[in-house]
N, C-alpha and C. Protein backbone atom coordinates (compact mmCIF):
# COMPACT_ATOMS: atom_id res chain seq x y z
N UNK A 1 93.64 96.46 77.42
CA UNK A 1 92.77 97.54 77.01
C UNK A 1 92.55 97.34 75.60
N UNK A 2 93.43 96.85 74.72
CA UNK A 2 93.19 96.33 73.33
C UNK A 2 92.19 95.32 73.35
N UNK A 3 92.04 94.52 74.23
CA UNK A 3 91.10 93.32 74.12
C UNK A 3 89.69 93.98 74.36
N UNK A 4 89.57 95.00 75.27
CA UNK A 4 88.30 95.70 75.52
C UNK A 4 87.92 96.48 74.39
N UNK A 5 88.73 97.26 73.69
CA UNK A 5 88.42 97.97 72.44
C UNK A 5 87.98 96.96 71.18
N UNK A 6 88.51 95.79 71.13
CA UNK A 6 88.05 94.75 70.18
C UNK A 6 86.71 94.31 70.51
N UNK A 7 86.39 93.97 71.59
CA UNK A 7 85.08 93.59 72.11
C UNK A 7 84.02 94.63 71.79
N UNK A 8 84.36 95.92 72.07
CA UNK A 8 83.34 96.98 71.73
C UNK A 8 83.16 97.02 70.39
N UNK A 9 84.20 96.95 69.56
CA UNK A 9 84.12 97.00 68.13
C UNK A 9 83.18 95.88 67.44
N UNK A 10 83.37 94.76 68.13
CA UNK A 10 82.69 93.45 67.71
C UNK A 10 81.28 93.53 68.07
N UNK A 11 80.90 94.29 69.08
CA UNK A 11 79.63 94.23 69.72
C UNK A 11 78.94 95.44 69.02
N UNK A 12 79.59 96.42 68.62
CA UNK A 12 78.98 97.66 68.04
C UNK A 12 78.53 98.69 69.13
N UNK A 13 78.86 98.46 70.23
CA UNK A 13 78.46 99.36 71.49
C UNK A 13 79.51 99.42 72.43
N UNK A 14 79.48 100.32 73.46
CA UNK A 14 80.50 100.46 74.53
C UNK A 14 80.13 99.32 75.61
N UNK A 15 81.13 98.78 75.99
CA UNK A 15 80.98 97.97 77.35
C UNK A 15 80.70 98.78 78.67
N UNK A 16 79.91 98.10 79.47
CA UNK A 16 79.53 98.84 80.79
C UNK A 16 80.60 98.97 81.70
N UNK A 17 80.73 99.92 82.67
CA UNK A 17 81.75 99.99 83.69
C UNK A 17 82.76 100.97 83.28
N UNK A 18 83.72 101.13 84.05
CA UNK A 18 84.72 102.03 83.89
C UNK A 18 85.77 101.50 82.96
N UNK A 19 86.47 102.28 82.12
CA UNK A 19 87.51 101.62 81.46
C UNK A 19 88.65 101.40 82.32
N UNK A 20 89.39 100.36 82.06
CA UNK A 20 90.74 100.10 82.98
C UNK A 20 91.86 101.08 82.81
N UNK A 21 92.58 101.40 83.86
CA UNK A 21 93.66 102.24 83.94
C UNK A 21 94.87 101.48 83.75
N UNK A 22 95.98 101.87 83.10
CA UNK A 22 97.32 101.27 83.02
C UNK A 22 97.89 101.48 84.39
N UNK A 23 98.52 100.31 84.82
CA UNK A 23 99.31 100.34 86.17
C UNK A 23 100.39 101.28 86.20
N UNK A 24 100.40 101.90 87.32
CA UNK A 24 101.55 102.93 87.62
C UNK A 24 102.77 102.21 88.25
N UNK A 25 103.90 102.52 87.78
CA UNK A 25 105.14 102.01 88.08
C UNK A 25 105.50 102.50 89.55
N UNK A 26 106.30 101.80 90.33
CA UNK A 26 106.73 102.18 91.71
C UNK A 26 105.85 101.82 92.62
N UNK A 27 106.30 102.14 93.87
CA UNK A 27 105.53 101.85 95.19
C UNK A 27 104.58 103.04 95.53
N UNK A 28 103.62 102.59 96.11
CA UNK A 28 102.50 103.46 96.63
C UNK A 28 102.55 103.65 98.09
N UNK A 29 102.18 104.85 98.62
CA UNK A 29 102.14 105.02 100.14
C UNK A 29 101.53 104.00 100.90
N UNK A 30 100.33 103.39 100.43
CA UNK A 30 99.55 102.34 101.22
C UNK A 30 100.22 100.98 100.95
N UNK A 31 101.24 100.83 100.25
CA UNK A 31 101.95 99.53 100.24
C UNK A 31 102.55 99.11 101.44
N UNK A 32 102.58 97.70 101.70
CA UNK A 32 103.19 97.04 102.80
C UNK A 32 104.41 96.38 102.52
N UNK A 33 105.43 96.13 103.22
CA UNK A 33 106.44 95.14 103.28
C UNK A 33 106.39 94.21 104.21
N UNK A 34 107.06 93.09 103.98
CA UNK A 34 107.39 91.99 104.92
C UNK A 34 108.80 92.23 105.36
N UNK A 35 109.10 92.41 106.73
CA UNK A 35 110.34 92.81 107.21
C UNK A 35 111.19 91.44 107.20
N UNK A 36 110.54 90.25 107.34
CA UNK A 36 111.43 89.03 107.44
C UNK A 36 111.59 88.34 106.19
N UNK A 37 110.90 88.51 105.12
CA UNK A 37 111.07 87.88 103.72
C UNK A 37 110.83 88.88 102.56
N UNK A 38 111.97 89.47 102.14
CA UNK A 38 111.75 90.43 101.12
C UNK A 38 111.13 89.91 99.80
N UNK A 39 111.38 88.54 99.67
CA UNK A 39 110.88 87.92 98.36
C UNK A 39 109.37 87.65 98.29
N UNK A 40 108.68 87.81 99.50
CA UNK A 40 107.21 87.47 99.53
C UNK A 40 106.56 88.67 98.98
N UNK A 41 105.27 88.26 98.67
CA UNK A 41 104.51 89.46 98.09
C UNK A 41 103.06 89.38 98.93
N UNK A 42 102.43 90.47 99.20
CA UNK A 42 101.18 90.56 99.93
C UNK A 42 100.07 90.28 99.02
N UNK A 43 99.16 89.29 99.24
CA UNK A 43 98.03 89.14 98.36
C UNK A 43 96.86 89.75 98.90
N UNK A 44 95.65 89.46 98.58
CA UNK A 44 94.45 90.04 98.93
C UNK A 44 94.26 89.91 100.35
N UNK A 45 93.47 90.97 100.90
CA UNK A 45 92.94 90.90 102.22
C UNK A 45 92.28 89.58 102.56
N UNK A 46 92.31 89.11 103.78
CA UNK A 46 91.77 87.94 104.25
C UNK A 46 90.47 88.32 105.23
N UNK A 47 89.53 87.42 105.41
CA UNK A 47 88.55 87.77 106.19
C UNK A 47 88.79 88.00 107.67
N UNK A 48 88.44 88.99 108.24
CA UNK A 48 88.57 89.31 109.58
C UNK A 48 89.91 90.37 109.66
N UNK A 49 90.21 90.81 108.51
CA UNK A 49 91.32 91.82 108.51
C UNK A 49 92.68 91.30 108.38
N UNK A 50 93.63 92.24 107.86
CA UNK A 50 95.04 91.91 107.57
C UNK A 50 95.22 91.34 106.22
N UNK A 51 96.39 90.84 105.99
CA UNK A 51 96.68 90.33 104.57
C UNK A 51 97.54 89.01 104.71
N UNK A 52 97.45 88.20 103.65
CA UNK A 52 98.14 86.94 103.66
C UNK A 52 99.22 87.02 102.70
N UNK A 53 100.50 86.76 103.26
CA UNK A 53 101.68 86.79 102.48
C UNK A 53 101.73 85.63 101.62
N UNK A 54 102.36 85.62 100.33
CA UNK A 54 102.46 84.45 99.61
C UNK A 54 103.92 84.54 98.95
């Protein structure tokens, strides 16, 4: 967010789009877990639906 403010000051005008929000700690209701490997993380959705673990 500080980098965005610095760019706006350097350009002399506001950048387009919505300003970023700070991440919220903790799990959300929409989060998913992997029951076989707790260390894996779910990445972006893949084509055709579903998620690819990493």
